[in-house]
Structure formats: C-alpha cells, structure tokens
Amino acid sequence: MSTSSATSFAVLALLCLLLPCHAKLSTKFYAKSCPNVAAIVRSMMAHAVAKEPRMGASIIRLFFHDCFVNGCDASILLDDTKTFTGEKNAGANVNSVRGYEVIDAIKVQVEAACKGTVSCADIVALASRDAVNLLGGPTWNVHLGRKDSRTASQSAANANLPGPGSSATSLVSAFAAKGLSPRDMTALSGAHTVGRARCVFFRGRIYTEPNINTTFAAARRRTCPQGGGDGNLAPFDDQTPDAFDNAYYRNLVAQRGLLHSDQELFNGGPQDALVRKYSGNAGMFATDFAKAMVKMGGLAPAAGTPTEIRLNCRKVN
C-alpha cells in the first residue's frame, strides 16, 4: 500500500469513528467484497435451526431487540466489561435473548471468507431473514451495508423495548417512535407465531385476565404455577409452535394470546380488523411481515455514533 493510500485509509477509519459512516443500504453491498456472505449465513442458520428449531425464533427476536435500541448496529452483541455496561443485561434481554453463540459461529465463517468486511449487524439481519424462511415463512432481499456500533446503552434498552404487559396504545407509540406504523407493529408482532416465553411473563395473564380462552388458560397453568417456575417455557403458538405461519392471529381471535401484549392486538381496539384479515389470509401477513422487516432493518444509529466493522461481535476492535 502506498503512503497516500495508507493515509486515506487512516482518515476514512477515523471518520467512521466520528461520523455515522453508513452508506445507503443496498442488496448488492457485498457483491464484490464478499459475494458468498448470504450463502454462508444461510448454511449456518440451516444447521442451527435443524439442531434446535426454537433458535430460529431466538434470532428473529435478537434482530428486533437490536434494531429497537439505537438502530440496527449489533450493539446488543457487546459483552459487559469492567469498564463498559452493554445491553445484554437489560430487563428485556437478560435470561431471555439468546442465540449469541450462533452469530459468533457465523461470524467466524464469514471472517474466514472475507476478513474485516461484513458487519455483525448485517450478519444478524441476514440470519433473521433466513430464520423466518427456514421455519416456513417468507423471504425477502436484505439491504446491507450497516456498521457495528462501538457503544451500547442498557438504559436505552430498558426504555425502548416494549414489555409483555404493554397496552395496544403503548405498542403503537413505541413503534411510531421508530417510524413504524400500526400495521407494521401488528405484522411484526406475528413473529410470535414461533418461539417460547417464560412463565414469569405470562403468569398474570393466565391467572387474572378475563379475555382468555379458559381451556387455553388451564393448559398454561399446568406448567406455570402461581408461585415458582418463573423460567418454565410455553410456546406462543401451541398449535404450530415451530412453524412460521398465521396461526398467531387465529389464536388472538380465539383469545389464546399468550402475553397480555399479544392479546391487546385483538381486544376491541383499532387493530382488531387487521388481525382478523391476517388470521384468514396467510399471504397478506407474509407480505406485510417481510415489508415491515425491511423497514425495521433500515433503522440506523444516530448521527455521530462511532462505528466500525467488528472482528469479534462481542467486543470492539
């Protein structure tokens, strides 16, 4: 490398630390620099989901919890250190978000093919698309070119991530704050057609709420006692728990939503009509979900956020 080239590279690297340095996202971003990245991610995700179907849901959730906190910047992947507090131990993430080791394994393979080229944030975006599709859901073209944040914020994670007790109004507001419409919110909530939730997050619903199917509540109570068993798991959708379909919405219409925040989407409010449409039209849901995932995936860190391409997703370079 010539002296002038080295200087230009150093200046660019410095600018990426000081400025957002986010080029416009593109589906062809790695066409020349890492043409096989999508195939690598797909292969690794296929292995992970075949080994444990629930992992697909976990990766989808990981993407959501990353993007909703200061944009899709892989900040959620940063480990805490003695001098740094990240997002992994935020209330909505601790003992809940999982799949970090899957992203680590994918990153190793991607680095072996294209060192220092593909961001962890883009790997998570690709992995979440593949997770949906591998579980039987839609696919879409992922826009790429994200950078990895050199910072994270546990307080922002605590403030920005909707909780299981959220009302429909607070859900609409939380998504609107990210530029996502009520329709986007209702479609993205359909990710709960796969995955599991801990007893501690739905105990209040199955024991105290009136708008719940009694047979469903009784079934959930068998593994979620009023005292103890906080970590006991139940599927969001007990009809097809590992299939990405529109059964989540059929469950809501039948008052079989697992979380309070789930059933809020069909509880005499403005989202009822759309929930009914999705419950009877799987194609409409799949199309809207894919569009909303692309839209959410475009959430970027604020201007001035220091960024880079991490070599290890768990720590800054």
C-alpha atoms as a PDB file:
ATOM      1  CA  MET A   1       0.000   0.000   0.000  1.00  0.00           C
ATOM      2  CA  SER A   2       1.362   3.431  -0.932  1.00  0.00           C
ATOM      3  CA  THR A   3       1.854   6.182   1.631  1.00  0.00           C
ATOM      4  CA  SER A   4      -1.049   8.172   0.177  1.00  0.00           C
ATOM      5  CA  SER A   5      -3.331   5.111   0.182  1.00  0.00           C
ATOM      6  CA  ALA A   6      -2.412   4.323   3.760  1.00  0.00           C
ATOM      7  CA  THR A   7      -3.146   7.908   4.762  1.00  0.00           C
ATOM      8  CA  SER A   8      -6.526   7.839   3.012  1.00  0.00           C
ATOM      9  CA  PHE A   9      -7.432   4.577   4.730  1.00  0.00           C
ATOM     10  CA  ALA A  10      -6.460   6.000   8.131  1.00  0.00           C
ATOM     11  CA  VAL A  11      -8.539   9.137   7.530  1.00  0.00           C
ATOM     12  CA  LEU A  12     -11.550   7.036   6.477  1.00  0.00           C
ATOM     13  CA  ALA A  13     -11.186   4.851   9.556  1.00  0.00           C
ATOM     14  CA  LEU A  14     -11.063   7.947  11.765  1.00  0.00           C
ATOM     15  CA  LEU A  15     -14.150   9.392  10.101  1.00  0.00           C
ATOM     16  CA  CYS A  16     -16.025   6.136  10.710  1.00  0.00           C
ATOM     17  CA  LEU A  17     -15.295   6.548  14.404  1.00  0.00           C
ATOM     18  CA  LEU A  18     -16.523  10.125  14.463  1.00  0.00           C
ATOM     19  CA  LEU A  19     -19.427  10.042  11.993  1.00  0.00           C
ATOM     20  CA  PRO A  20     -22.246   7.570  11.332  1.00  0.00           C
ATOM     21  CA  CYS A  21     -20.407   6.363   8.205  1.00  0.00           C
ATOM     22  CA  HIS A  22     -23.483   4.472   6.976  1.00  0.00           C
ATOM     23  CA  ALA A  23     -23.560   4.203   3.226  1.00  0.00           C
ATOM     24  CA  LYS A  24     -27.027   3.801   1.743  1.00  0.00           C
ATOM     25  CA  LEU A  25     -28.060   0.212   2.327  1.00  0.00           C
ATOM     26  CA  SER A  26     -28.111  -1.985  -0.751  1.00  0.00           C
ATOM     27  CA  THR A  27     -28.988  -5.583  -1.540  1.00  0.00           C
ATOM     28  CA  LYS A  28     -25.743  -5.734  -3.562  1.00  0.00           C
ATOM     29  CA  PHE A  29     -23.462  -4.165  -0.957  1.00  0.00           C
ATOM     30  CA  TYR A  30     -21.140  -7.199  -0.732  1.00  0.00           C
ATOM     31  CA  ALA A  31     -21.483  -8.310  -4.361  1.00  0.00           C
ATOM     32  CA  LYS A  32     -17.756  -7.775  -4.959  1.00  0.00           C
ATOM     33  CA  SER A  33     -16.215  -7.664  -1.491  1.00  0.00           C
ATOM     34  CA  CYS A  34     -17.889 -10.796  -0.062  1.00  0.00           C
ATOM     35  CA  PRO A  35     -20.149 -12.421  -2.670  1.00  0.00           C
ATOM     36  CA  ASN A  36     -20.743 -15.608  -0.677  1.00  0.00           C
ATOM     37  CA  VAL A  37     -21.816 -13.995   2.589  1.00  0.00           C
ATOM     38  CA  ALA A  38     -25.525 -14.778   2.148  1.00  0.00           C
ATOM     39  CA  ALA A  39     -24.784 -18.409   1.334  1.00  0.00           C
ATOM     40  CA  ILE A  40     -22.524 -18.738   4.383  1.00  0.00           C
ATOM     41  CA  VAL A  41     -25.143 -17.272   6.710  1.00  0.00           C
ATOM     42  CA  ARG A  42     -27.886 -19.432   5.202  1.00  0.00           C
ATOM     43  CA  SER A  43     -25.866 -22.618   5.614  1.00  0.00           C
ATOM     44  CA  MET A  44     -25.005 -21.877   9.223  1.00  0.00           C
ATOM     45  CA  MET A  45     -28.587 -20.918  10.047  1.00  0.00           C
ATOM     46  CA  ALA A  46     -29.925 -24.073   8.408  1.00  0.00           C
ATOM     47  CA  HIS A  47     -27.670 -26.096  10.694  1.00  0.00           C
ATOM     48  CA  ALA A  48     -28.689 -24.130  13.800  1.00  0.00           C
ATOM     49  CA  VAL A  49     -32.433 -24.383  13.104  1.00  0.00           C
ATOM     50  CA  ALA A  50     -32.225 -28.081  12.227  1.00  0.00           C
ATOM     51  CA  LYS A  51     -30.455 -28.674  15.540  1.00  0.00           C
ATOM     52  CA  GLU A  52     -32.963 -26.578  17.523  1.00  0.00           C
ATOM     53  CA  PRO A  53     -35.997 -25.089  15.729  1.00  0.00           C
ATOM     54  CA  ARG A  54     -36.544 -22.647  18.602  1.00  0.00           C
ATOM     55  CA  MET A  55     -33.260 -20.985  17.676  1.00  0.00           C
ATOM     56  CA  GLY A  56     -34.933 -19.526  14.609  1.00  0.00           C
ATOM     57  CA  ALA A  57     -37.331 -17.577  16.802  1.00  0.00           C
ATOM     58  CA  SER A  58     -34.464 -16.526  19.053  1.00  0.00           C
ATOM     59  CA  ILE A  59     -32.518 -14.994  16.158  1.00  0.00           C
ATOM     60  CA  ILE A  60     -35.590 -13.113  14.933  1.00  0.00           C
ATOM     61  CA  ARG A  61     -36.011 -11.681  18.425  1.00  0.00           C
ATOM     62  CA  LEU A  62     -32.319 -10.811  18.620  1.00  0.00           C
ATOM     63  CA  PHE A  63     -32.683  -8.707  15.462  1.00  0.00           C
ATOM     64  CA  PHE A  64     -35.743  -6.908  16.841  1.00  0.00           C
ATOM     65  CA  HIS A  65     -34.079  -6.192  20.183  1.00  0.00           C
ATOM     66  CA  ASP A  66     -31.005  -4.847  18.387  1.00  0.00           C
ATOM     67  CA  CYS A  67     -32.830  -2.591  15.951  1.00  0.00           C
ATOM     68  CA  PHE A  68     -35.191  -1.102  18.539  1.00  0.00           C
ATOM     69  CA  VAL A  69     -32.292   0.241  20.607  1.00  0.00           C
ATOM     70  CA  ASN A  70     -30.407   2.964  18.738  1.00  0.00           C
ATOM     71  CA  GLY A  71     -30.806   1.245  15.365  1.00  0.00           C
ATOM     72  CA  CYS A  72     -29.597  -1.998  13.793  1.00  0.00           C
ATOM     73  CA  ASP A  73     -25.977  -1.708  14.876  1.00  0.00           C
ATOM     74  CA  ALA A  74     -25.203  -5.006  16.671  1.00  0.00           C
ATOM     75  CA  SER A  75     -24.903  -3.117  19.960  1.00  0.00           C
ATOM     76  CA  ILE A  76     -26.825  -5.925  21.666  1.00  0.00           C
ATOM     77  CA  LEU A  77     -23.944  -8.312  20.938  1.00  0.00           C
ATOM     78  CA  LEU A  78     -21.358  -6.417  23.004  1.00  0.00           C
ATOM     79  CA  ASP A  79     -20.382  -8.144  26.253  1.00  0.00           C
ATOM     80  CA  ASP A  80     -20.119  -6.217  29.508  1.00  0.00           C
ATOM     81  CA  THR A  81     -16.613  -5.482  30.745  1.00  0.00           C
ATOM     82  CA  LYS A  82     -15.205  -3.909  33.914  1.00  0.00           C
ATOM     83  CA  THR A  83     -15.451  -0.500  32.273  1.00  0.00           C
ATOM     84  CA  PHE A  84     -18.430  -0.985  29.949  1.00  0.00           C
ATOM     85  CA  THR A  85     -22.084  -1.890  30.517  1.00  0.00           C
ATOM     86  CA  GLY A  86     -23.851  -3.183  27.442  1.00  0.00           C
ATOM     87  CA  GLU A  87     -27.421  -4.192  26.633  1.00  0.00           C
ATOM     88  CA  LYS A  88     -27.326  -7.932  27.335  1.00  0.00           C
ATOM     89  CA  ASN A  89     -28.411  -7.476  30.953  1.00  0.00           C
ATOM     90  CA  ALA A  90     -31.208  -5.009  30.253  1.00  0.00           C
ATOM     91  CA  GLY A  91     -34.551  -6.081  31.691  1.00  0.00           C
ATOM     92  CA  ALA A  92     -35.977  -7.282  28.375  1.00  0.00           C
ATOM     93  CA  ASN A  93     -32.780  -9.129  27.413  1.00  0.00           C
ATOM     94  CA  VAL A  94     -31.297 -10.832  30.471  1.00  0.00           C
ATOM     95  CA  ASN A  95     -32.140 -14.540  30.722  1.00  0.00           C
ATOM     96  CA  SER A  96     -34.302 -14.023  27.669  1.00  0.00           C
ATOM     97  CA  VAL A  97     -32.491 -13.040  24.470  1.00  0.00           C
ATOM     98  CA  ARG A  98     -30.392 -15.913  23.150  1.00  0.00           C
ATOM     99  CA  GLY A  99     -28.570 -17.012  20.018  1.00  0.00           C
ATOM    100  CA  TYR A 100     -25.376 -15.028  20.572  1.00  0.00           C
ATOM    101  CA  GLU A 101     -23.250 -18.135  20.044  1.00  0.00           C
ATOM    102  CA  VAL A 102     -24.935 -18.769  16.682  1.00  0.00           C
ATOM    103  CA  ILE A 103     -23.991 -15.278  15.487  1.00  0.00           C
ATOM    104  CA  ASP A 104     -20.450 -15.880  16.803  1.00  0.00           C
ATOM    105  CA  ALA A 105     -20.173 -19.094  14.774  1.00  0.00           C
ATOM    106  CA  ILE A 106     -21.446 -17.403  11.625  1.00  0.00           C
ATOM    107  CA  LYS A 107     -19.033 -14.511  12.120  1.00  0.00           C
ATOM    108  CA  VAL A 108     -16.072 -16.927  12.310  1.00  0.00           C
ATOM    109  CA  GLN A 109     -17.014 -18.429   8.958  1.00  0.00           C
ATOM    110  CA  VAL A 110     -17.646 -15.048   7.347  1.00  0.00           C
ATOM    111  CA  GLU A 111     -14.326 -13.694   8.623  1.00  0.00           C
ATOM    112  CA  ALA A 112     -12.544 -16.726   7.181  1.00  0.00           C
ATOM    113  CA  ALA A 113     -14.024 -15.893   3.777  1.00  0.00           C
ATOM    114  CA  CYS A 114     -13.853 -12.086   3.887  1.00  0.00           C
ATOM    115  CA  LYS A 115     -11.787 -10.689   6.738  1.00  0.00           C
ATOM    116  CA  GLY A 116     -12.884  -7.373   8.204  1.00  0.00           C
ATOM    117  CA  THR A 117     -15.557  -6.847   5.569  1.00  0.00           C
ATOM    118  CA  VAL A 118     -19.014  -7.845   6.814  1.00  0.00           C
ATOM    119  CA  SER A 119     -20.518  -6.216   9.887  1.00  0.00           C
ATOM    120  CA  CYS A 120     -22.077  -8.173  12.724  1.00  0.00           C
ATOM    121  CA  ALA A 121     -25.193  -6.044  12.219  1.00  0.00           C
ATOM    122  CA  ASP A 122     -25.544  -7.301   8.650  1.00  0.00           C
ATOM    123  CA  ILE A 123     -24.999 -10.885   9.774  1.00  0.00           C
ATOM    124  CA  VAL A 124     -27.870 -10.544  12.253  1.00  0.00           C
ATOM    125  CA  ALA A 125     -30.096  -9.035   9.540  1.00  0.00           C
ATOM    126  CA  LEU A 126     -29.348 -11.905   7.140  1.00  0.00           C
ATOM    127  CA  ALA A 127     -29.702 -14.524   9.868  1.00  0.00           C
ATOM    128  CA  SER A 128     -33.125 -13.246  10.915  1.00  0.00           C
ATOM    129  CA  ARG A 129     -34.391 -13.374   7.318  1.00  0.00           C
ATOM    130  CA  ASP A 130     -33.130 -16.937   6.996  1.00  0.00           C
ATOM    131  CA  ALA A 131     -34.639 -17.900  10.356  1.00  0.00           C
ATOM    132  CA  VAL A 132     -38.095 -16.827   9.185  1.00  0.00           C
ATOM    133  CA  ASN A 133     -37.773 -18.649   5.881  1.00  0.00           C
ATOM    134  CA  LEU A 134     -36.305 -21.838   7.342  1.00  0.00           C
ATOM    135  CA  LEU A 135     -39.315 -22.074   9.663  1.00  0.00           C
ATOM    136  CA  GLY A 136     -41.660 -21.858   6.690  1.00  0.00           C
ATOM    137  CA  GLY A 137     -42.163 -18.119   6.442  1.00  0.00           C
ATOM    138  CA  PRO A 138     -41.476 -15.636   3.654  1.00  0.00           C
ATOM    139  CA  THR A 139     -38.131 -14.471   2.353  1.00  0.00           C
ATOM    140  CA  TRP A 140     -37.019 -11.056   1.152  1.00  0.00           C
ATOM    141  CA  ASN A 141     -33.986  -9.214  -0.176  1.00  0.00           C
ATOM    142  CA  VAL A 142     -31.943  -7.921   2.757  1.00  0.00           C
ATOM    143  CA  HIS A 143     -30.499  -4.449   2.385  1.00  0.00           C
ATOM    144  CA  LEU A 144     -26.897  -4.459   3.607  1.00  0.00           C
ATOM    145  CA  GLY A 145     -24.135  -2.023   4.468  1.00  0.00           C
ATOM    146  CA  ARG A 146     -24.669  -1.488   8.180  1.00  0.00           C
ATOM    147  CA  LYS A 147     -21.798  -0.776  10.517  1.00  0.00           C
ATOM    148  CA  ASP A 148     -21.295  -2.030  14.076  1.00  0.00           C
ATOM    149  CA  SER A 149     -21.614   0.425  16.920  1.00  0.00           C
ATOM    150  CA  ARG A 150     -18.675   0.862  19.288  1.00  0.00           C
ATOM    151  CA  THR A 151     -21.142   1.726  22.054  1.00  0.00           C
ATOM    152  CA  ALA A 152     -24.260   0.270  23.672  1.00  0.00           C
ATOM    153  CA  SER A 153     -26.821   1.527  26.158  1.00  0.00           C
ATOM    154  CA  GLN A 154     -28.510  -0.593  28.803  1.00  0.00           C
ATOM    155  CA  SER A 155     -30.685   2.370  29.782  1.00  0.00           C
ATOM    156  CA  ALA A 156     -31.849   2.799  26.174  1.00  0.00           C
ATOM    157  CA  ALA A 157     -32.658  -0.910  26.004  1.00  0.00           C
ATOM    158  CA  ASN A 158     -34.712  -0.639  29.170  1.00  0.00           C
ATOM    159  CA  ALA A 159     -36.528   2.419  27.824  1.00  0.00           C
ATOM    160  CA  ASN A 160     -37.146   1.368  24.212  1.00  0.00           C
ATOM    161  CA  LEU A 161     -38.094  -2.314  24.240  1.00  0.00           C
ATOM    162  CA  PRO A 162     -41.839  -2.963  24.690  1.00  0.00           C
ATOM    163  CA  GLY A 163     -42.647  -5.295  27.563  1.00  0.00           C
ATOM    164  CA  PRO A 164     -45.062  -8.239  27.806  1.00  0.00           C
ATOM    165  CA  GLY A 165     -47.522  -6.125  29.762  1.00  0.00           C
ATOM    166  CA  SER A 166     -47.708  -3.370  27.139  1.00  0.00           C
ATOM    167  CA  SER A 167     -51.075  -1.977  26.085  1.00  0.00           C
ATOM    168  CA  ALA A 168     -52.077  -1.593  22.442  1.00  0.00           C
ATOM    169  CA  THR A 169     -51.686   2.171  22.789  1.00  0.00           C
ATOM    170  CA  SER A 170     -48.161   1.919  24.183  1.00  0.00           C
ATOM    171  CA  LEU A 171     -47.198  -0.578  21.461  1.00  0.00           C
ATOM    172  CA  VAL A 172     -48.409   1.774  18.738  1.00  0.00           C
ATOM    173  CA  SER A 173     -46.469   4.629  20.350  1.00  0.00           C
ATOM    174  CA  ALA A 174     -43.277   2.593  20.766  1.00  0.00           C
ATOM    175  CA  PHE A 175     -43.304   1.550  17.120  1.00  0.00           C
ATOM    176  CA  ALA A 176     -44.269   5.022  15.920  1.00  0.00           C
ATOM    177  CA  ALA A 177     -41.190   6.374  17.700  1.00  0.00           C
ATOM    178  CA  LYS A 178     -39.163   4.184  15.325  1.00  0.00           C
ATOM    179  CA  GLY A 179     -41.061   5.291  12.239  1.00  0.00           C
ATOM    180  CA  LEU A 180     -43.123   2.104  12.121  1.00  0.00           C
ATOM    181  CA  SER A 181     -46.876   2.213  11.546  1.00  0.00           C
ATOM    182  CA  PRO A 182     -49.605   0.376  13.491  1.00  0.00           C
ATOM    183  CA  ARG A 183     -49.805  -2.024  10.541  1.00  0.00           C
ATOM    184  CA  ASP A 184     -46.043  -2.645  10.776  1.00  0.00           C
ATOM    185  CA  MET A 185     -46.423  -3.248  14.508  1.00  0.00           C
ATOM    186  CA  THR A 186     -49.247  -5.729  14.044  1.00  0.00           C
ATOM    187  CA  ALA A 187     -47.358  -7.583  11.317  1.00  0.00           C
ATOM    188  CA  LEU A 188     -44.072  -7.699  13.236  1.00  0.00           C
ATOM    189  CA  SER A 189     -45.904  -8.995  16.306  1.00  0.00           C
ATOM    190  CA  GLY A 190     -46.678 -12.039  14.182  1.00  0.00           C
ATOM    191  CA  ALA A 191     -43.127 -13.202  14.843  1.00  0.00           C
ATOM    192  CA  HIS A 192     -44.741 -14.631  17.978  1.00  0.00           C
ATOM    193  CA  THR A 193     -46.097 -17.380  15.775  1.00  0.00           C
ATOM    194  CA  VAL A 194     -42.832 -19.102  16.726  1.00  0.00           C
ATOM    195  CA  GLY A 195     -40.785 -19.191  19.903  1.00  0.00           C
ATOM    196  CA  ARG A 196     -41.367 -19.571  23.612  1.00  0.00           C
ATOM    197  CA  ALA A 197     -41.997 -17.293  26.585  1.00  0.00           C
ATOM    198  CA  ARG A 198     -41.109 -17.706  30.256  1.00  0.00           C
ATOM    199  CA  CYS A 199     -43.852 -18.254  32.821  1.00  0.00           C
ATOM    200  CA  VAL A 200     -42.948 -15.054  34.654  1.00  0.00           C
ATOM    201  CA  PHE A 201     -44.038 -13.053  31.593  1.00  0.00           C
ATOM    202  CA  PHE A 202     -47.495 -14.597  31.163  1.00  0.00           C
ATOM    203  CA  ARG A 203     -48.455 -15.685  34.693  1.00  0.00           C
ATOM    204  CA  GLY A 204     -50.545 -12.576  35.289  1.00  0.00           C
ATOM    205  CA  ARG A 205     -52.498 -13.123  32.087  1.00  0.00           C
ATOM    206  CA  ILE A 206     -53.423 -16.764  32.651  1.00  0.00           C
ATOM    207  CA  TYR A 207     -54.496 -16.242  36.267  1.00  0.00           C
ATOM    208  CA  THR A 208     -56.135 -12.826  36.308  1.00  0.00           C
ATOM    209  CA  GLU A 209     -57.285 -11.661  32.866  1.00  0.00           C
ATOM    210  CA  PRO A 210     -60.870 -12.234  31.719  1.00  0.00           C
ATOM    211  CA  ASN A 211     -60.294 -12.092  27.938  1.00  0.00           C
ATOM    212  CA  ILE A 212     -58.679 -15.517  27.721  1.00  0.00           C
ATOM    213  CA  ASN A 213     -59.908 -18.889  26.497  1.00  0.00           C
ATOM    214  CA  THR A 214     -60.498 -20.972  29.636  1.00  0.00           C
ATOM    215  CA  THR A 215     -59.178 -24.212  28.134  1.00  0.00           C
ATOM    216  CA  PHE A 216     -56.039 -22.411  26.976  1.00  0.00           C
ATOM    217  CA  ALA A 217     -55.527 -20.798  30.390  1.00  0.00           C
ATOM    218  CA  ALA A 218     -55.932 -24.144  32.149  1.00  0.00           C
ATOM    219  CA  ALA A 219     -53.336 -25.755  29.879  1.00  0.00           C
ATOM    220  CA  ARG A 220     -50.819 -22.993  30.537  1.00  0.00           C
ATOM    221  CA  ARG A 221     -51.395 -23.121  34.300  1.00  0.00           C
ATOM    222  CA  ARG A 222     -50.235 -26.747  34.360  1.00  0.00           C
ATOM    223  CA  THR A 223     -46.662 -25.653  33.650  1.00  0.00           C
ATOM    224  CA  CYS A 224     -46.834 -22.133  35.111  1.00  0.00           C
ATOM    225  CA  PRO A 225     -47.873 -22.241  38.781  1.00  0.00           C
ATOM    226  CA  GLN A 226     -48.868 -19.141  40.700  1.00  0.00           C
ATOM    227  CA  GLY A 227     -45.719 -19.500  42.769  1.00  0.00           C
ATOM    228  CA  GLY A 228     -42.351 -20.635  41.371  1.00  0.00           C
ATOM    229  CA  GLY A 229     -41.468 -21.925  37.934  1.00  0.00           C
ATOM    230  CA  ASP A 230     -40.641 -18.471  36.577  1.00  0.00           C
ATOM    231  CA  GLY A 231     -38.376 -19.948  33.900  1.00  0.00           C
ATOM    232  CA  ASN A 232     -40.811 -22.604  32.676  1.00  0.00           C
ATOM    233  CA  LEU A 233     -41.411 -22.187  28.964  1.00  0.00           C
ATOM    234  CA  ALA A 234     -44.596 -22.242  26.892  1.00  0.00           C
ATOM    235  CA  PRO A 235     -44.992 -21.768  23.142  1.00  0.00           C
ATOM    236  CA  PHE A 236     -46.511 -18.524  21.908  1.00  0.00           C
ATOM    237  CA  ASP A 237     -48.492 -20.616  19.436  1.00  0.00           C
ATOM    238  CA  ASP A 238     -49.399 -24.013  20.831  1.00  0.00           C
ATOM    239  CA  GLN A 239     -50.960 -25.098  17.527  1.00  0.00           C
ATOM    240  CA  THR A 240     -47.863 -24.931  15.292  1.00  0.00           C
ATOM    241  CA  PRO A 241     -45.124 -23.748  17.693  1.00  0.00           C
ATOM    242  CA  ASP A 242     -42.192 -24.012  15.286  1.00  0.00           C
ATOM    243  CA  ALA A 243     -43.923 -23.107  12.011  1.00  0.00           C
ATOM    244  CA  PHE A 244     -43.864 -19.532  10.781  1.00  0.00           C
ATOM    245  CA  ASP A 245     -47.496 -19.147   9.733  1.00  0.00           C
ATOM    246  CA  ASN A 246     -50.543 -17.027  10.546  1.00  0.00           C
ATOM    247  CA  ALA A 247     -51.766 -19.210  13.429  1.00  0.00           C
ATOM    248  CA  TYR A 248     -50.734 -16.459  15.878  1.00  0.00           C
ATOM    249  CA  TYR A 249     -53.591 -14.306  14.605  1.00  0.00           C
ATOM    250  CA  ARG A 250     -56.098 -17.151  14.670  1.00  0.00           C
ATOM    251  CA  ASN A 251     -55.075 -17.645  18.294  1.00  0.00           C
ATOM    252  CA  LEU A 252     -55.712 -13.985  19.083  1.00  0.00           C
ATOM    253  CA  VAL A 253     -59.197 -14.142  17.577  1.00  0.00           C
ATOM    254  CA  ALA A 254     -59.834 -17.189  19.795  1.00  0.00           C
ATOM    255  CA  GLN A 255     -58.472 -15.321  22.861  1.00  0.00           C
ATOM    256  CA  ARG A 256     -55.465 -17.624  23.035  1.00  0.00           C
ATOM    257  CA  GLY A 257     -52.774 -14.926  23.058  1.00  0.00           C
ATOM    258  CA  LEU A 258     -50.019 -15.910  25.488  1.00  0.00           C
ATOM    259  CA  LEU A 259     -48.840 -12.478  26.604  1.00  0.00           C
ATOM    260  CA  HIS A 260     -51.011  -9.560  27.643  1.00  0.00           C
ATOM    261  CA  SER A 261     -49.342  -7.552  24.866  1.00  0.00           C
ATOM    262  CA  ASP A 262     -50.299 -10.226  22.321  1.00  0.00           C
ATOM    263  CA  GLN A 263     -53.995 -10.238  23.170  1.00  0.00           C
ATOM    264  CA  GLU A 264     -54.026  -6.434  23.201  1.00  0.00           C
ATOM    265  CA  LEU A 265     -53.900  -6.590  19.400  1.00  0.00           C
ATOM    266  CA  PHE A 266     -57.361  -8.184  19.414  1.00  0.00           C
ATOM    267  CA  ASN A 267     -59.287  -6.728  22.312  1.00  0.00           C
ATOM    268  CA  GLY A 268     -61.883  -4.363  20.888  1.00  0.00           C
ATOM    269  CA  GLY A 269     -59.311  -1.900  19.554  1.00  0.00           C
ATOM    270  CA  PRO A 270     -58.270  -0.482  16.179  1.00  0.00           C
ATOM    271  CA  GLN A 271     -56.024  -3.458  15.281  1.00  0.00           C
ATOM    272  CA  ASP A 272     -58.873  -5.996  15.505  1.00  0.00           C
ATOM    273  CA  ALA A 273     -59.786  -5.702  11.824  1.00  0.00           C
ATOM    274  CA  LEU A 274     -56.228  -6.284  10.631  1.00  0.00           C
ATOM    275  CA  VAL A 275     -55.779  -9.233  12.999  1.00  0.00           C
ATOM    276  CA  ARG A 276     -58.911 -10.786  11.511  1.00  0.00           C
ATOM    277  CA  LYS A 277     -57.548 -10.245   7.991  1.00  0.00           C
ATOM    278  CA  TYR A 278     -54.208 -11.841   8.851  1.00  0.00           C
ATOM    279  CA  SER A 279     -55.963 -14.749  10.578  1.00  0.00           C
ATOM    280  CA  GLY A 280     -57.677 -15.627   7.321  1.00  0.00           C
ATOM    281  CA  ASN A 281     -55.052 -14.556   4.815  1.00  0.00           C
ATOM    282  CA  ALA A 282     -51.587 -16.016   5.354  1.00  0.00           C
ATOM    283  CA  GLY A 283     -50.286 -14.418   2.161  1.00  0.00           C
ATOM    284  CA  MET A 284     -51.223 -10.918   3.294  1.00  0.00           C
ATOM    285  CA  PHE A 285     -49.484 -11.466   6.611  1.00  0.00           C
ATOM    286  CA  ALA A 286     -46.335 -12.858   4.953  1.00  0.00           C
ATOM    287  CA  THR A 287     -46.133  -9.911   2.550  1.00  0.00           C
ATOM    288  CA  ASP A 288     -46.679  -7.310   5.255  1.00  0.00           C
ATOM    289  CA  PHE A 289     -44.244  -9.018   7.622  1.00  0.00           C
ATOM    290  CA  ALA A 290     -41.457  -9.046   5.024  1.00  0.00           C
ATOM    291  CA  LYS A 291     -42.048  -5.359   4.199  1.00  0.00           C
ATOM    292  CA  ALA A 292     -42.000  -4.435   7.888  1.00  0.00           C
ATOM    293  CA  MET A 293     -38.779  -6.370   8.486  1.00  0.00           C
ATOM    294  CA  VAL A 294     -37.069  -4.456   5.673  1.00  0.00           C
ATOM    295  CA  LYS A 295     -38.380  -1.195   7.113  1.00  0.00           C
ATOM    296  CA  MET A 296     -37.240  -2.038  10.645  1.00  0.00           C
ATOM    297  CA  GLY A 297     -33.895  -3.194   9.264  1.00  0.00           C
ATOM    298  CA  GLY A 298     -33.341   0.322   7.944  1.00  0.00           C
ATOM    299  CA  LEU A 299     -33.231   1.830  11.436  1.00  0.00           C
ATOM    300  CA  ALA A 300     -29.772   3.362  11.770  1.00  0.00           C
ATOM    301  CA  PRO A 301     -27.758   4.647  14.735  1.00  0.00           C
ATOM    302  CA  ALA A 302     -27.931   8.356  15.411  1.00  0.00           C
ATOM    303  CA  ALA A 303     -25.527  10.652  13.588  1.00  0.00           C
ATOM    304  CA  GLY A 304     -22.255  10.804  15.461  1.00  0.00           C
ATOM    305  CA  THR A 305     -22.404   7.220  16.735  1.00  0.00           C
ATOM    306  CA  PRO A 306     -18.896   5.716  16.474  1.00  0.00           C
ATOM    307  CA  THR A 307     -18.980   2.660  14.234  1.00  0.00           C
ATOM    308  CA  GLU A 308     -16.710   0.020  12.737  1.00  0.00           C
ATOM    309  CA  ILE A 309     -16.676  -3.493  11.299  1.00  0.00           C
ATOM    310  CA  ARG A 310     -16.105  -5.610  14.397  1.00  0.00           C
ATOM    311  CA  LEU A 311     -13.794  -8.599  14.034  1.00  0.00           C
ATOM    312  CA  ASN A 312     -15.385 -10.217  17.090  1.00  0.00           C
ATOM    313  CA  CYS A 313     -19.076  -9.423  17.557  1.00  0.00           C
ATOM    314  CA  ARG A 314     -18.741  -9.448  21.352  1.00  0.00           C
ATOM    315  CA  LYS A 315     -16.195  -6.644  21.640  1.00  0.00           C
ATOM    316  CA  VAL A 316     -14.989  -3.526  19.894  1.00  0.00           C
ATOM    317  CA  ASN A 317     -11.787  -3.758  17.864  1.00  0.00           C
END
